[in-house]
Amino acid sequence: MSRLPASIEDALHLVSSRFPKDAIWTVSCGTALALHGLDYRPNDLDIFAGRNDGARLAQTLADQPLLFPYRLRESDWCSSHWGRFMVEGVEVDVVGDFSIRRNGNALTLDAAHPCWRRLHQTVLRGAPITALSLVDLSALYEALPDEEMKLRLIEESLQYGLHRP
């Protein structure tokens, strides 16, 4: 049984059916936690890809309400290509080539990162879906501010085996 709210599951099903079959992408952040079977209910859908595939994915959502366009966004501590759409009432973020620089640490998730070899495989409504591994989600949440609760969920899952294989 999926831990995803029906609205997130509907949005994920719709976007995954539209994405080019040769595009490389995966589910990340809170929705990935739920796909791993962790006790977390996301309120949005985050899709991660390399920068170029992210642009292709965003283009497939061009007919959906646009909250902000896919483009490079930079701050003092973070940079990524990022766009936000509203799909079936759910905020869908398409993120490409994500880099974080905080507290003397750096994390770059891009098309060359080894995360692509560790993806969690699952099936949603008969279709294959991947999610970032718990190891890579942990690295991401360690780099992001104010994500201690999600880190604890991941740590408990890795320690006690609470996630789905």
Protein backbone atom coordinates (compact mmCIF):
# COMPACT_ATOMS: atom_id res chain seq x y z
CA MET A 1 0.00 0.00 0.00
CA SER A 2 1.31 3.42 -0.94
CA ARG A 3 1.95 6.04 1.74
CA LEU A 4 1.38 8.74 -0.86
CA PRO A 5 -1.68 10.93 -0.61
CA ALA A 6 -4.01 10.23 -3.54
CA SER A 7 -3.37 13.69 -4.98
CA ILE A 8 0.42 13.12 -5.07
CA GLU A 9 -0.04 9.66 -6.55
CA ASP A 10 -2.34 11.12 -9.25
CA ALA A 11 0.17 13.87 -10.09
CA LEU A 12 3.08 11.42 -10.19
CA HIS A 13 1.16 9.08 -12.46
CA LEU A 14 0.27 11.93 -14.81
CA VAL A 15 3.76 13.45 -15.06
CA SER A 16 5.52 10.10 -15.39
CA SER A 17 3.24 9.15 -18.28
CA ARG A 18 4.16 12.40 -20.08
CA PHE A 19 7.92 12.38 -19.57
CA PRO A 20 10.06 11.27 -22.54
CA LYS A 21 10.90 7.58 -22.24
CA ASP A 22 14.62 8.26 -22.74
CA ALA A 23 14.79 10.97 -20.06
CA ILE A 24 16.64 10.12 -16.87
CA TRP A 25 14.77 11.31 -13.79
CA THR A 26 13.76 10.18 -10.32
CA VAL A 27 11.49 11.16 -7.45
CA SER A 28 13.23 12.97 -4.61
CA CYS A 29 12.60 14.60 -1.23
CA GLY A 30 9.42 13.83 0.74
CA THR A 31 7.71 11.82 -1.97
CA ALA A 32 10.80 9.61 -2.19
CA LEU A 33 10.61 9.02 1.57
CA ALA A 34 7.00 7.85 1.18
CA LEU A 35 7.91 5.63 -1.78
CA HIS A 36 10.50 3.97 0.47
CA GLY A 37 7.66 3.21 2.87
CA LEU A 38 8.69 5.67 5.57
CA ASP A 39 6.02 7.26 7.74
CA TYR A 40 5.98 10.57 5.88
CA ARG A 41 3.13 12.16 3.93
CA PRO A 42 4.43 14.64 1.35
CA ASN A 43 2.43 17.67 0.27
CA ASP A 44 4.24 18.21 -3.03
CA LEU A 45 6.12 16.24 -5.68
CA ASP A 46 9.82 16.76 -6.36
CA ILE A 47 11.33 15.39 -9.56
CA PHE A 48 15.11 15.35 -9.92
CA ALA A 49 17.04 15.07 -13.18
CA GLY A 50 20.22 16.31 -14.73
CA ARG A 51 20.01 19.89 -16.01
CA ASN A 52 19.28 18.97 -19.65
CA ASP A 53 16.74 16.24 -18.90
CA GLY A 54 15.15 18.57 -16.34
CA ALA A 55 14.56 21.09 -19.12
CA ARG A 56 12.94 18.38 -21.24
CA LEU A 57 10.71 17.29 -18.36
CA ALA A 58 9.66 20.87 -17.66
CA GLN A 59 8.79 21.31 -21.34
CA THR A 60 6.36 18.36 -21.14
CA LEU A 61 4.50 20.22 -18.38
CA ALA A 62 4.24 23.49 -20.35
CA ASP A 63 0.44 23.16 -20.61
CA GLN A 64 0.09 22.96 -16.80
CA PRO A 65 -0.26 26.07 -14.63
CA LEU A 66 3.20 27.56 -14.16
CA LEU A 67 4.21 28.86 -10.75
CA PHE A 68 7.72 29.74 -11.96
CA PRO A 69 9.72 28.66 -15.02
CA TYR A 70 12.55 26.15 -15.11
CA ARG A 71 15.80 28.11 -15.07
CA LEU A 72 19.01 28.48 -13.11
CA ARG A 73 18.39 29.82 -9.61
CA GLU A 74 21.22 30.72 -7.28
CA SER A 75 21.61 31.89 -3.70
CA ASP A 76 24.55 32.22 -1.33
CA TRP A 77 24.33 28.54 -0.45
CA CYS A 78 22.39 26.78 -3.21
CA SER A 79 22.14 26.63 -6.98
CA SER A 80 20.02 24.53 -9.31
CA HIS A 81 17.88 24.60 -12.36
CA TRP A 82 14.36 24.61 -11.03
CA GLY A 83 10.78 25.14 -12.13
CA ARG A 84 7.44 24.71 -10.38
CA PHE A 85 4.15 23.65 -11.90
CA MET A 86 0.68 22.93 -10.56
CA VAL A 87 -0.45 19.47 -11.69
CA GLU A 88 -3.82 18.13 -10.56
CA GLY A 89 -3.74 20.59 -7.64
CA VAL A 90 -0.23 19.49 -6.54
CA GLU A 91 2.93 21.60 -6.66
CA VAL A 92 5.42 19.74 -8.85
CA ASP A 93 9.04 20.87 -8.73
CA VAL A 94 11.37 19.86 -11.55
CA VAL A 95 14.95 20.24 -10.33
CA GLY A 96 18.18 19.75 -12.26
CA ASP A 97 21.85 19.82 -11.22
CA PHE A 98 21.38 20.69 -7.57
CA SER A 99 24.36 22.10 -5.59
CA ILE A 100 24.48 23.06 -1.92
CA ARG A 101 27.32 24.82 -0.13
CA ARG A 102 26.70 25.20 3.61
CA ASN A 103 28.68 25.05 6.83
CA GLY A 104 31.91 24.21 5.01
CA ASN A 105 30.32 21.26 3.20
CA ALA A 106 29.34 20.86 -0.45
CA LEU A 107 26.96 18.47 -2.20
CA THR A 108 26.35 18.37 -5.92
CA LEU A 109 23.68 16.11 -7.39
CA ASP A 110 23.94 16.14 -11.17
CA ALA A 111 23.86 13.76 -14.12
CA ALA A 112 27.35 12.45 -13.22
CA HIS A 113 26.59 11.77 -9.53
CA PRO A 114 26.63 8.10 -8.41
CA CYS A 115 23.08 8.47 -7.03
CA TRP A 116 21.82 7.28 -10.42
CA ARG A 117 23.32 3.83 -9.75
CA ARG A 118 21.57 3.50 -6.36
CA LEU A 119 17.96 4.37 -7.19
CA HIS A 120 15.14 2.68 -5.29
CA GLN A 121 12.88 0.81 -7.72
CA THR A 122 9.14 0.57 -7.12
CA VAL A 123 5.89 0.27 -9.07
CA LEU A 124 3.03 2.74 -9.00
CA ARG A 125 -0.20 1.84 -10.78
CA GLY A 126 1.65 -0.79 -12.78
CA ALA A 127 4.38 1.58 -13.97
CA PRO A 128 8.00 1.53 -12.80
CA ILE A 129 9.04 4.53 -10.70
CA THR A 130 12.40 5.29 -9.13
CA ALA A 131 13.26 7.32 -6.05
CA LEU A 132 16.56 8.56 -4.68
CA SER A 133 18.11 6.02 -2.33
CA LEU A 134 17.89 6.58 1.41
CA VAL A 135 21.67 7.08 1.46
CA ASP A 136 21.41 9.90 -1.09
CA LEU A 137 18.33 11.40 0.58
CA SER A 138 20.26 11.41 3.84
CA ALA A 139 23.16 13.29 2.22
CA LEU A 140 20.69 15.76 0.72
CA TYR A 141 18.86 16.39 4.00
CA GLU A 142 22.15 16.72 5.91
CA ALA A 143 23.09 19.54 3.53
CA LEU A 144 19.71 21.32 3.66
CA PRO A 145 18.68 23.52 6.60
CA ASP A 146 15.92 22.50 9.04
CA GLU A 147 15.52 18.88 7.90
CA GLU A 148 16.32 17.09 11.17
CA MET A 149 12.96 15.28 11.33
CA LYS A 150 13.45 13.73 7.87
CA LEU A 151 17.01 12.79 8.77
CA ARG A 152 15.77 10.98 11.88
CA LEU A 153 13.21 9.06 9.79
CA ILE A 154 15.94 7.96 7.39
CA GLU A 155 18.37 7.03 10.17
CA GLU A 156 15.72 4.96 11.96
CA SER A 157 14.80 3.24 8.72
CA LEU A 158 18.40 2.38 7.91
CA GLN A 159 19.03 1.20 11.47
CA TYR A 160 15.84 -0.81 11.98
CA GLY A 161 14.96 -1.77 8.41
CA LEU A 162 11.62 0.04 8.22
CA HIS A 163 11.76 0.80 4.49
CA ARG A 164 10.52 -1.38 1.67
CA PRO A 165 13.14 -3.31 -0.29
